[in-house]
Amino acid sequence: MSVMTQEDKLLRMANQIATFFRSYPEEEAVAGVQKHITAFWTPRMVDRLSTALPDMGDRADILVQRAIRGPKAAEEGPVRPATHDPHKLGEGASDAG
């Protein structure tokens, strides 16, 4: 029985994020993964995944690899800017019920 490491858990979460963005055009998907991770993960989580990524090989979705290794995404993308500023949380929320 193998024990799942913290890095394995981070990779699993990152790959789930990549799966969500898979239907977007590739550059927008990479930006979406990157922006989601930046908005919702702690810097320590990002650093741990970034450090472990080279040893993870093809277990890491290509969108995750590009999002973690690539330059910071532009402001355009599928993740709303409100997620970056806690003072703006809820501005894009639905009132549907």
PDB file of N, CA and C in Angstrom:
ATOM      1  N   MET A   1       0.851  -1.181   0.000  1.00  0.00           N
ATOM      2  CA  MET A   1       0.000   0.000   0.000  1.00  0.00           C
ATOM      3  C   MET A   1       0.898   1.246   0.000  1.00  0.00           C
ATOM      4  N   SER A   2       0.678   2.140  -0.945  1.00  0.00           N
ATOM      5  CA  SER A   2       1.490   3.354  -0.991  1.00  0.00           C
ATOM      6  C   SER A   2       0.797   4.484  -0.223  1.00  0.00           C
ATOM      7  N   VAL A   3       1.632   5.307   0.368  1.00  0.00           N
ATOM      8  CA  VAL A   3       1.128   6.445   1.130  1.00  0.00           C
ATOM      9  C   VAL A   3       1.177   7.673   0.227  1.00  0.00           C
ATOM     10  N   MET A   4       0.082   8.413   0.192  1.00  0.00           N
ATOM     11  CA  MET A   4       0.031   9.607  -0.635  1.00  0.00           C
ATOM     12  C   MET A   4       0.723  10.750   0.096  1.00  0.00           C
ATOM     13  N   THR A   5       1.731  11.330  -0.540  1.00  0.00           N
ATOM     14  CA  THR A   5       2.457  12.445   0.060  1.00  0.00           C
ATOM     15  C   THR A   5       1.684  13.746  -0.133  1.00  0.00           C
ATOM     16  N   GLN A   6       2.103  14.768   0.567  1.00  0.00           N
ATOM     17  CA  GLN A   6       1.487  16.090   0.406  1.00  0.00           C
ATOM     18  C   GLN A   6       1.622  16.566  -1.043  1.00  0.00           C
ATOM     19  N   GLU A   7       2.768  16.308  -1.638  1.00  0.00           N
ATOM     20  CA  GLU A   7       2.989  16.701  -3.032  1.00  0.00           C
ATOM     21  C   GLU A   7       2.044  15.949  -3.974  1.00  0.00           C
ATOM     22  N   ASP A   8       1.802  14.667  -3.675  1.00  0.00           N
ATOM     23  CA  ASP A   8       0.844  13.902  -4.481  1.00  0.00           C
ATOM     24  C   ASP A   8      -0.560  14.497  -4.386  1.00  0.00           C
ATOM     25  N   LYS A   9      -0.925  14.927  -3.197  1.00  0.00           N
ATOM     26  CA  LYS A   9      -2.244  15.545  -2.998  1.00  0.00           C
ATOM     27  C   LYS A   9      -2.341  16.863  -3.762  1.00  0.00           C
ATOM     28  N   LEU A  10      -1.275  17.643  -3.710  1.00  0.00           N
ATOM     29  CA  LEU A  10      -1.266  18.912  -4.447  1.00  0.00           C
ATOM     30  C   LEU A  10      -1.377  18.659  -5.946  1.00  0.00           C
ATOM     31  N   LEU A  11      -0.651  17.656  -6.422  1.00  0.00           N
ATOM     32  CA  LEU A  11      -0.717  17.320  -7.845  1.00  0.00           C
ATOM     33  C   LEU A  11      -2.116  16.871  -8.221  1.00  0.00           C
ATOM     34  N   ARG A  12      -2.737  16.051  -7.393  1.00  0.00           N
ATOM     35  CA  ARG A  12      -4.103  15.602  -7.679  1.00  0.00           C
ATOM     36  C   ARG A  12      -5.047  16.800  -7.794  1.00  0.00           C
ATOM     37  N   MET A  13      -4.936  17.754  -6.850  1.00  0.00           N
ATOM     38  CA  MET A  13      -5.795  18.950  -6.902  1.00  0.00           C
ATOM     39  C   MET A  13      -5.501  19.773  -8.146  1.00  0.00           C
ATOM     40  N   ALA A  14      -4.226  19.968  -8.470  1.00  0.00           N
ATOM     41  CA  ALA A  14      -3.860  20.751  -9.653  1.00  0.00           C
ATOM     42  C   ALA A  14      -4.380  20.088 -10.923  1.00  0.00           C
ATOM     43  N   ASN A  15      -4.264  18.759 -10.996  1.00  0.00           N
ATOM     44  CA  ASN A  15      -4.768  18.043 -12.167  1.00  0.00           C
ATOM     45  C   ASN A  15      -6.291  18.158 -12.285  1.00  0.00           C
ATOM     46  N   GLN A  16      -6.985  18.206 -11.146  1.00  0.00           N
ATOM     47  CA  GLN A  16      -8.445  18.399 -11.179  1.00  0.00           C
ATOM     48  C   GLN A  16      -8.784  19.785 -11.724  1.00  0.00           C
ATOM     49  N   ILE A  17      -8.008  20.779 -11.339  1.00  0.00           N
ATOM     50  CA  ILE A  17      -8.208  22.140 -11.861  1.00  0.00           C
ATOM     51  C   ILE A  17      -7.985  22.127 -13.372  1.00  0.00           C
ATOM     52  N   ALA A  18      -6.919  21.463 -13.811  1.00  0.00           N
ATOM     53  CA  ALA A  18      -6.622  21.382 -15.247  1.00  0.00           C
ATOM     54  C   ALA A  18      -7.758  20.686 -15.998  1.00  0.00           C
ATOM     55  N   THR A  19      -8.326  19.662 -15.410  1.00  0.00           N
ATOM     56  CA  THR A  19      -9.449  18.957 -16.044  1.00  0.00           C
ATOM     57  C   THR A  19     -10.620  19.913 -16.266  1.00  0.00           C
ATOM     58  N   PHE A  20     -10.894  20.755 -15.280  1.00  0.00           N
ATOM     59  CA  PHE A  20     -11.973  21.736 -15.425  1.00  0.00           C
ATOM     60  C   PHE A  20     -11.717  22.666 -16.608  1.00  0.00           C
ATOM     61  N   PHE A  21     -10.478  23.136 -16.748  1.00  0.00           N
ATOM     62  CA  PHE A  21     -10.163  24.111 -17.791  1.00  0.00           C
ATOM     63  C   PHE A  21      -9.860  23.476 -19.146  1.00  0.00           C
ATOM     64  N   ARG A  22      -9.889  22.157 -19.246  1.00  0.00           N
ATOM     65  CA  ARG A  22      -9.532  21.451 -20.477  1.00  0.00           C
ATOM     66  C   ARG A  22     -10.367  21.906 -21.677  1.00  0.00           C
ATOM     67  N   SER A  23     -11.606  22.321 -21.474  1.00  0.00           N
ATOM     68  CA  SER A  23     -12.473  22.700 -22.598  1.00  0.00           C
ATOM     69  C   SER A  23     -12.172  24.101 -23.144  1.00  0.00           C
ATOM     70  N   TYR A  24     -11.342  24.864 -22.453  1.00  0.00           N
ATOM     71  CA  TYR A  24     -10.967  26.201 -22.919  1.00  0.00           C
ATOM     72  C   TYR A  24      -9.856  26.094 -23.953  1.00  0.00           C
ATOM     73  N   PRO A  25      -9.685  27.133 -24.780  1.00  0.00           N
ATOM     74  CA  PRO A  25      -8.507  27.150 -25.664  1.00  0.00           C
ATOM     75  C   PRO A  25      -7.241  27.035 -24.795  1.00  0.00           C
ATOM     76  N   GLU A  26      -6.200  26.412 -25.332  1.00  0.00           N
ATOM     77  CA  GLU A  26      -5.031  26.047 -24.519  1.00  0.00           C
ATOM     78  C   GLU A  26      -4.421  27.199 -23.723  1.00  0.00           C
ATOM     79  N   GLU A  27      -4.176  28.319 -24.344  1.00  0.00           N
ATOM     80  CA  GLU A  27      -3.543  29.434 -23.618  1.00  0.00           C
ATOM     81  C   GLU A  27      -4.450  29.956 -22.502  1.00  0.00           C
ATOM     82  N   GLU A  28      -5.735  30.000 -22.768  1.00  0.00           N
ATOM     83  CA  GLU A  28      -6.687  30.442 -21.759  1.00  0.00           C
ATOM     84  C   GLU A  28      -6.781  29.414 -20.626  1.00  0.00           C
ATOM     85  N   ALA A  29      -6.669  28.145 -20.981  1.00  0.00           N
ATOM     86  CA  ALA A  29      -6.699  27.075 -19.971  1.00  0.00           C
ATOM     87  C   ALA A  29      -5.484  27.172 -19.052  1.00  0.00           C
ATOM     88  N   VAL A  30      -4.310  27.388 -19.630  1.00  0.00           N
ATOM     89  CA  VAL A  30      -3.093  27.535 -18.825  1.00  0.00           C
ATOM     90  C   VAL A  30      -3.242  28.736 -17.890  1.00  0.00           C
ATOM     91  N   ALA A  31      -3.722  29.842 -18.434  1.00  0.00           N
ATOM     92  CA  ALA A  31      -3.936  31.037 -17.608  1.00  0.00           C
ATOM     93  C   ALA A  31      -4.960  30.770 -16.510  1.00  0.00           C
ATOM     94  N   GLY A  32      -6.006  30.028 -16.825  1.00  0.00           N
ATOM     95  CA  GLY A  32      -7.027  29.712 -15.837  1.00  0.00           C
ATOM     96  C   GLY A  32      -6.485  28.862 -14.702  1.00  0.00           C
ATOM     97  N   VAL A  33      -5.690  27.843 -15.038  1.00  0.00           N
ATOM     98  CA  VAL A  33      -5.077  26.996 -14.013  1.00  0.00           C
ATOM     99  C   VAL A  33      -4.160  27.841 -13.134  1.00  0.00           C
ATOM    100  N   GLN A  34      -3.329  28.632 -13.779  1.00  0.00           N
ATOM    101  CA  GLN A  34      -2.383  29.469 -13.042  1.00  0.00           C
ATOM    102  C   GLN A  34      -3.100  30.461 -12.124  1.00  0.00           C
ATOM    103  N   LYS A  35      -4.107  31.109 -12.645  1.00  0.00           N
ATOM    104  CA  LYS A  35      -4.822  32.114 -11.849  1.00  0.00           C
ATOM    105  C   LYS A  35      -5.600  31.467 -10.705  1.00  0.00           C
ATOM    106  N   HIS A  36      -6.175  30.293 -10.950  1.00  0.00           N
ATOM    107  CA  HIS A  36      -6.896  29.601  -9.882  1.00  0.00           C
ATOM    108  C   HIS A  36      -5.937  29.220  -8.754  1.00  0.00           C
ATOM    109  N   ILE A  37      -4.816  28.639  -9.121  1.00  0.00           N
ATOM    110  CA  ILE A  37      -3.831  28.241  -8.112  1.00  0.00           C
ATOM    111  C   ILE A  37      -3.317  29.466  -7.354  1.00  0.00           C
ATOM    112  N   THR A  38      -3.020  30.532  -8.060  1.00  0.00           N
ATOM    113  CA  THR A  38      -2.533  31.757  -7.413  1.00  0.00           C
ATOM    114  C   THR A  38      -3.583  32.348  -6.481  1.00  0.00           C
ATOM    115  N   ALA A  39      -4.840  32.297  -6.895  1.00  0.00           N
ATOM    116  CA  ALA A  39      -5.913  32.908  -6.114  1.00  0.00           C
ATOM    117  C   ALA A  39      -6.281  32.108  -4.869  1.00  0.00           C
ATOM    118  N   PHE A  40      -6.199  30.784  -4.947  1.00  0.00           N
ATOM    119  CA  PHE A  40      -6.750  29.964  -3.875  1.00  0.00           C
ATOM    120  C   PHE A  40      -5.745  29.120  -3.094  1.00  0.00           C
ATOM    121  N   TRP A  41      -4.524  29.010  -3.564  1.00  0.00           N
ATOM    122  CA  TRP A  41      -3.512  28.233  -2.866  1.00  0.00           C
ATOM    123  C   TRP A  41      -2.581  29.167  -2.104  1.00  0.00           C
ATOM    124  N   THR A  42      -2.024  28.658  -1.020  1.00  0.00           N
ATOM    125  CA  THR A  42      -1.025  29.432  -0.281  1.00  0.00           C
ATOM    126  C   THR A  42       0.290  29.389  -1.062  1.00  0.00           C
ATOM    127  N   PRO A  43       1.145  30.385  -0.863  1.00  0.00           N
ATOM    128  CA  PRO A  43       2.454  30.347  -1.533  1.00  0.00           C
ATOM    129  C   PRO A  43       3.236  29.066  -1.207  1.00  0.00           C
ATOM    130  N   ARG A  44       3.100  28.567   0.003  1.00  0.00           N
ATOM    131  CA  ARG A  44       3.801  27.335   0.378  1.00  0.00           C
ATOM    132  C   ARG A  44       3.322  26.146  -0.454  1.00  0.00           C
ATOM    133  N   MET A  45       2.023  26.065  -0.692  1.00  0.00           N
ATOM    134  CA  MET A  45       1.481  24.977  -1.522  1.00  0.00           C
ATOM    135  C   MET A  45       2.042  25.055  -2.938  1.00  0.00           C
ATOM    136  N   VAL A  46       2.072  26.264  -3.491  1.00  0.00           N
ATOM    137  CA  VAL A  46       2.590  26.460  -4.853  1.00  0.00           C
ATOM    138  C   VAL A  46       4.064  26.088  -4.901  1.00  0.00           C
ATOM    139  N   ASP A  47       4.826  26.518  -3.907  1.00  0.00           N
ATOM    140  CA  ASP A  47       6.254  26.200  -3.864  1.00  0.00           C
ATOM    141  C   ASP A  47       6.495  24.694  -3.774  1.00  0.00           C
ATOM    142  N   ARG A  48       5.705  24.014  -2.956  1.00  0.00           N
ATOM    143  CA  ARG A  48       5.874  22.555  -2.810  1.00  0.00           C
ATOM    144  C   ARG A  48       5.602  21.839  -4.125  1.00  0.00           C
ATOM    145  N   LEU A  49       4.528  22.243  -4.806  1.00  0.00           N
ATOM    146  CA  LEU A  49       4.225  21.608  -6.086  1.00  0.00           C
ATOM    147  C   LEU A  49       5.300  21.951  -7.114  1.00  0.00           C
ATOM    148  N   SER A  50       5.703  23.197  -7.154  1.00  0.00           N
ATOM    149  CA  SER A  50       6.723  23.631  -8.110  1.00  0.00           C
ATOM    150  C   SER A  50       8.028  22.870  -7.922  1.00  0.00           C
ATOM    151  N   THR A  51       8.424  22.658  -6.681  1.00  0.00           N
ATOM    152  CA  THR A  51       9.657  21.935  -6.374  1.00  0.00           C
ATOM    153  C   THR A  51       9.544  20.464  -6.764  1.00  0.00           C
ATOM    154  N   ALA A  52       8.388  19.868  -6.542  1.00  0.00           N
ATOM    155  CA  ALA A  52       8.189  18.442  -6.817  1.00  0.00           C
ATOM    156  C   ALA A  52       7.893  18.154  -8.285  1.00  0.00           C
ATOM    157  N   LEU A  53       7.443  19.139  -9.027  1.00  0.00           N
ATOM    158  CA  LEU A  53       6.978  18.936 -10.400  1.00  0.00           C
ATOM    159  C   LEU A  53       7.988  18.225 -11.314  1.00  0.00           C
ATOM    160  N   PRO A  54       9.271  18.563 -11.280  1.00  0.00           N
ATOM    161  CA  PRO A  54      10.203  17.873 -12.188  1.00  0.00           C
ATOM    162  C   PRO A  54      10.248  16.360 -12.000  1.00  0.00           C
ATOM    163  N   ASP A  55      10.016  15.883 -10.791  1.00  0.00           N
ATOM    164  CA  ASP A  55      10.054  14.441 -10.524  1.00  0.00           C
ATOM    165  C   ASP A  55       8.718  13.755 -10.799  1.00  0.00           C
ATOM    166  N   MET A  56       7.697  14.505 -11.124  1.00  0.00           N
ATOM    167  CA  MET A  56       6.366  13.929 -11.314  1.00  0.00           C
ATOM    168  C   MET A  56       6.116  13.474 -12.746  1.00  0.00           C
ATOM    169  N   GLY A  57       6.970  13.902 -13.653  1.00  0.00           N
ATOM    170  CA  GLY A  57       6.869  13.458 -15.039  1.00  0.00           C
ATOM    171  C   GLY A  57       5.494  13.677 -15.632  1.00  0.00           C
ATOM    172  N   ASP A  58       5.018  12.678 -16.362  1.00  0.00           N
ATOM    173  CA  ASP A  58       3.744  12.815 -17.065  1.00  0.00           C
ATOM    174  C   ASP A  58       2.530  12.616 -16.157  1.00  0.00           C
ATOM    175  N   ARG A  59       2.760  12.405 -14.866  1.00  0.00           N
ATOM    176  CA  ARG A  59       1.619  12.380 -13.937  1.00  0.00           C
ATOM    177  C   ARG A  59       1.015  13.772 -13.821  1.00  0.00           C
ATOM    178  N   ALA A  60       1.822  14.803 -14.090  1.00  0.00           N
ATOM    179  CA  ALA A  60       1.340  16.184 -14.044  1.00  0.00           C
ATOM    180  C   ALA A  60       0.757  16.555 -15.398  1.00  0.00           C
ATOM    181  N   ASP A  61      -0.485  16.972 -15.404  1.00  0.00           N
ATOM    182  CA  ASP A  61      -1.147  17.428 -16.621  1.00  0.00           C
ATOM    183  C   ASP A  61      -0.294  18.524 -17.265  1.00  0.00           C
ATOM    184  N   ILE A  62      -0.230  18.529 -18.579  1.00  0.00           N
ATOM    185  CA  ILE A  62       0.568  19.532 -19.299  1.00  0.00           C
ATOM    186  C   ILE A  62       0.114  20.956 -18.972  1.00  0.00           C
ATOM    187  N   LEU A  63      -1.178  21.147 -18.711  1.00  0.00           N
ATOM    188  CA  LEU A  63      -1.660  22.480 -18.333  1.00  0.00           C
ATOM    189  C   LEU A  63      -1.083  22.896 -16.983  1.00  0.00           C
ATOM    190  N   VAL A  64      -0.970  21.937 -16.060  1.00  0.00           N
ATOM    191  CA  VAL A  64      -0.372  22.216 -14.753  1.00  0.00           C
ATOM    192  C   VAL A  64       1.101  22.547 -14.928  1.00  0.00           C
ATOM    193  N   GLN A  65       1.798  21.756 -15.712  1.00  0.00           N
ATOM    194  CA  GLN A  65       3.224  22.004 -15.937  1.00  0.00           C
ATOM    195  C   GLN A  65       3.457  23.397 -16.498  1.00  0.00           C
ATOM    196  N   ARG A  66       2.682  23.755 -17.497  1.00  0.00           N
ATOM    197  CA  ARG A  66       2.845  25.077 -18.115  1.00  0.00           C
ATOM    198  C   ARG A  66       2.440  26.195 -17.162  1.00  0.00           C
ATOM    199  N   ALA A  67       1.384  25.984 -16.379  1.00  0.00           N
ATOM    200  CA  ALA A  67       0.914  27.015 -15.446  1.00  0.00           C
ATOM    201  C   ALA A  67       1.937  27.277 -14.345  1.00  0.00           C
ATOM    202  N   ILE A  68       2.547  26.218 -13.841  1.00  0.00           N
ATOM    203  CA  ILE A  68       3.501  26.367 -12.742  1.00  0.00           C
ATOM    204  C   ILE A  68       4.839  26.903 -13.242  1.00  0.00           C
ATOM    205  N   ARG A  69       5.284  26.435 -14.380  1.00  0.00           N
ATOM    206  CA  ARG A  69       6.611  26.819 -14.891  1.00  0.00           C
ATOM    207  C   ARG A  69       6.610  28.096 -15.712  1.00  0.00           C
ATOM    208  N   GLY A  70       5.455  28.473 -16.224  1.00  0.00           N
ATOM    209  CA  GLY A  70       5.397  29.579 -17.165  1.00  0.00           C
ATOM    210  C   GLY A  70       5.362  30.937 -16.494  1.00  0.00           C
ATOM    211  N   PRO A  71       5.437  31.983 -17.315  1.00  0.00           N
ATOM    212  CA  PRO A  71       5.330  33.347 -16.786  1.00  0.00           C
ATOM    213  C   PRO A  71       3.923  33.609 -16.265  1.00  0.00           C
ATOM    214  N   LYS A  72       3.806  34.590 -15.419  1.00  0.00           N
ATOM    215  CA  LYS A  72       2.509  34.947 -14.838  1.00  0.00           C
ATOM    216  C   LYS A  72       1.518  35.292 -15.942  1.00  0.00           C
ATOM    217  N   ALA A  73       0.312  34.794 -15.794  1.00  0.00           N
ATOM    218  CA  ALA A  73      -0.733  35.002 -16.801  1.00  0.00           C
ATOM    219  C   ALA A  73      -1.181  36.463 -16.829  1.00  0.00           C
ATOM    220  N   ALA A  74      -1.634  36.870 -17.992  1.00  0.00           N
ATOM    221  CA  ALA A  74      -2.222  38.198 -18.129  1.00  0.00           C
ATOM    222  C   ALA A  74      -3.546  38.230 -17.377  1.00  0.00           C
ATOM    223  N   GLU A  75      -4.110  39.384 -17.225  1.00  0.00           N
ATOM    224  CA  GLU A  75      -5.358  39.516 -16.463  1.00  0.00           C
ATOM    225  C   GLU A  75      -6.567  38.894 -17.154  1.00  0.00           C
ATOM    226  N   GLU A  76      -6.493  38.674 -18.480  1.00  0.00           N
ATOM    227  CA  GLU A  76      -7.605  38.047 -19.152  1.00  0.00           C
ATOM    228  C   GLU A  76      -7.615  36.570 -18.776  1.00  0.00           C
ATOM    229  N   GLY A  77      -8.769  35.989 -18.796  1.00  0.00           N
ATOM    230  CA  GLY A  77      -8.855  34.568 -18.531  1.00  0.00           C
ATOM    231  C   GLY A  77     -10.168  34.219 -17.857  1.00  0.00           C
ATOM    232  N   PRO A  78     -10.387  32.928 -17.670  1.00  0.00           N
ATOM    233  CA  PRO A  78     -11.670  32.476 -17.159  1.00  0.00           C
ATOM    234  C   PRO A  78     -11.863  32.624 -15.650  1.00  0.00           C
ATOM    235  N   VAL A  79     -10.843  33.026 -14.911  1.00  0.00           N
ATOM    236  CA  VAL A  79     -11.006  33.238 -13.478  1.00  0.00           C
ATOM    237  C   VAL A  79     -11.180  34.728 -13.255  1.00  0.00           C
ATOM    238  N   ARG A  80     -12.264  35.100 -12.609  1.00  0.00           N
ATOM    239  CA  ARG A  80     -12.571  36.510 -12.419  1.00  0.00           C
ATOM    240  C   ARG A  80     -11.557  37.199 -11.507  1.00  0.00           C
ATOM    241  N   PRO A  81     -11.218  38.455 -11.809  1.00  0.00           N
ATOM    242  CA  PRO A  81     -10.290  39.197 -10.965  1.00  0.00           C
ATOM    243  C   PRO A  81     -10.772  39.332  -9.523  1.00  0.00           C
ATOM    244  N   ALA A  82     -12.064  39.245  -9.277  1.00  0.00           N
ATOM    245  CA  ALA A  82     -12.585  39.382  -7.918  1.00  0.00           C
ATOM    246  C   ALA A  82     -11.989  38.346  -6.979  1.00  0.00           C
ATOM    247  N   THR A  83     -11.532  37.230  -7.506  1.00  0.00           N
ATOM    248  CA  THR A  83     -10.951  36.209  -6.648  1.00  0.00           C
ATOM    249  C   THR A  83      -9.582  36.614  -6.127  1.00  0.00           C
ATOM    250  N   HIS A  84      -8.957  37.604  -6.737  1.00  0.00           N
ATOM    251  CA  HIS A  84      -7.635  38.033  -6.310  1.00  0.00           C
ATOM    252  C   HIS A  84      -7.699  39.044  -5.169  1.00  0.00           C
ATOM    253  N   ASP A  85      -8.786  39.715  -5.012  1.00  0.00           N
ATOM    254  CA  ASP A  85      -8.915  40.758  -4.006  1.00  0.00           C
ATOM    255  C   ASP A  85     -10.037  40.396  -3.047  1.00  0.00           C
ATOM    256  N   PRO A  86      -9.676  40.070  -1.793  1.00  0.00           N
ATOM    257  CA  PRO A  86     -10.721  39.646  -0.857  1.00  0.00           C
ATOM    258  C   PRO A  86     -11.809  40.698  -0.639  1.00  0.00           C
ATOM    259  N   HIS A  87     -11.517  41.965  -0.914  1.00  0.00           N
ATOM    260  CA  HIS A  87     -12.519  43.018  -0.752  1.00  0.00           C
ATOM    261  C   HIS A  87     -13.592  42.952  -1.836  1.00  0.00           C
ATOM    262  N   LYS A  88     -13.272  42.251  -2.933  1.00  0.00           N
ATOM    263  CA  LYS A  88     -14.206  42.156  -4.051  1.00  0.00           C
ATOM    264  C   LYS A  88     -14.967  40.832  -4.064  1.00  0.00           C
ATOM    265  N   LEU A  89     -14.685  39.954  -3.120  1.00  0.00           N
ATOM    266  CA  LEU A  89     -15.369  38.664  -3.115  1.00  0.00           C
ATOM    267  C   LEU A  89     -16.869  38.863  -3.083  1.00  0.00           C
ATOM    268  N   GLY A  90     -17.553  38.126  -3.888  1.00  0.00           N
ATOM    269  CA  GLY A  90     -19.007  38.216  -3.938  1.00  0.00           C
ATOM    270  C   GLY A  90     -19.530  39.146  -4.999  1.00  0.00           C
ATOM    271  N   GLU A  91     -18.679  39.992  -5.581  1.00  0.00           N
ATOM    272  CA  GLU A  91     -19.167  40.930  -6.603  1.00  0.00           C
ATOM    273  C   GLU A  91     -19.724  40.216  -7.815  1.00  0.00           C
ATOM    274  N   GLY A  92     -19.183  39.044  -8.131  1.00  0.00           N
ATOM    275  CA  GLY A  92     -19.661  38.316  -9.292  1.00  0.00           C
ATOM    276  C   GLY A  92     -20.624  37.205  -8.922  1.00  0.00           C
ATOM    277  N   ALA A  93     -21.028  37.163  -7.691  1.00  0.00           N
ATOM    278  CA  ALA A  93     -21.873  36.067  -7.219  1.00  0.00           C
ATOM    279  C   ALA A  93     -23.259  36.138  -7.831  1.00  0.00           C
ATOM    280  N   SER A  94     -23.835  34.978  -7.992  1.00  0.00           N
ATOM    281  CA  SER A  94     -25.174  34.882  -8.545  1.00  0.00           C
ATOM    282  C   SER A  94     -26.207  35.229  -7.479  1.00  0.00           C
ATOM    283  N   ASP A  95     -27.300  35.830  -7.893  1.00  0.00           N
ATOM    284  CA  ASP A  95     -28.399  36.095  -6.971  1.00  0.00           C
ATOM    285  C   ASP A  95     -29.551  35.120  -7.255  1.00  0.00           C
ATOM    286  N   ALA A  96     -29.198  34.007  -7.882  1.00  0.00           N
ATOM    287  CA  ALA A  96     -30.223  33.044  -8.314  1.00  0.00           C
ATOM    288  C   ALA A  96     -30.646  32.078  -7.213  1.00  0.00           C
ATOM    289  N   GLY A  97     -30.709  32.521  -6.043  1.00  0.00           N
ATOM    290  CA  GLY A  97     -31.310  31.682  -5.171  1.00  0.00           C
ATOM    291  C   GLY A  97     -30.876  31.073  -3.999  1.00  0.00           C
TER     292      GLY A  97
END
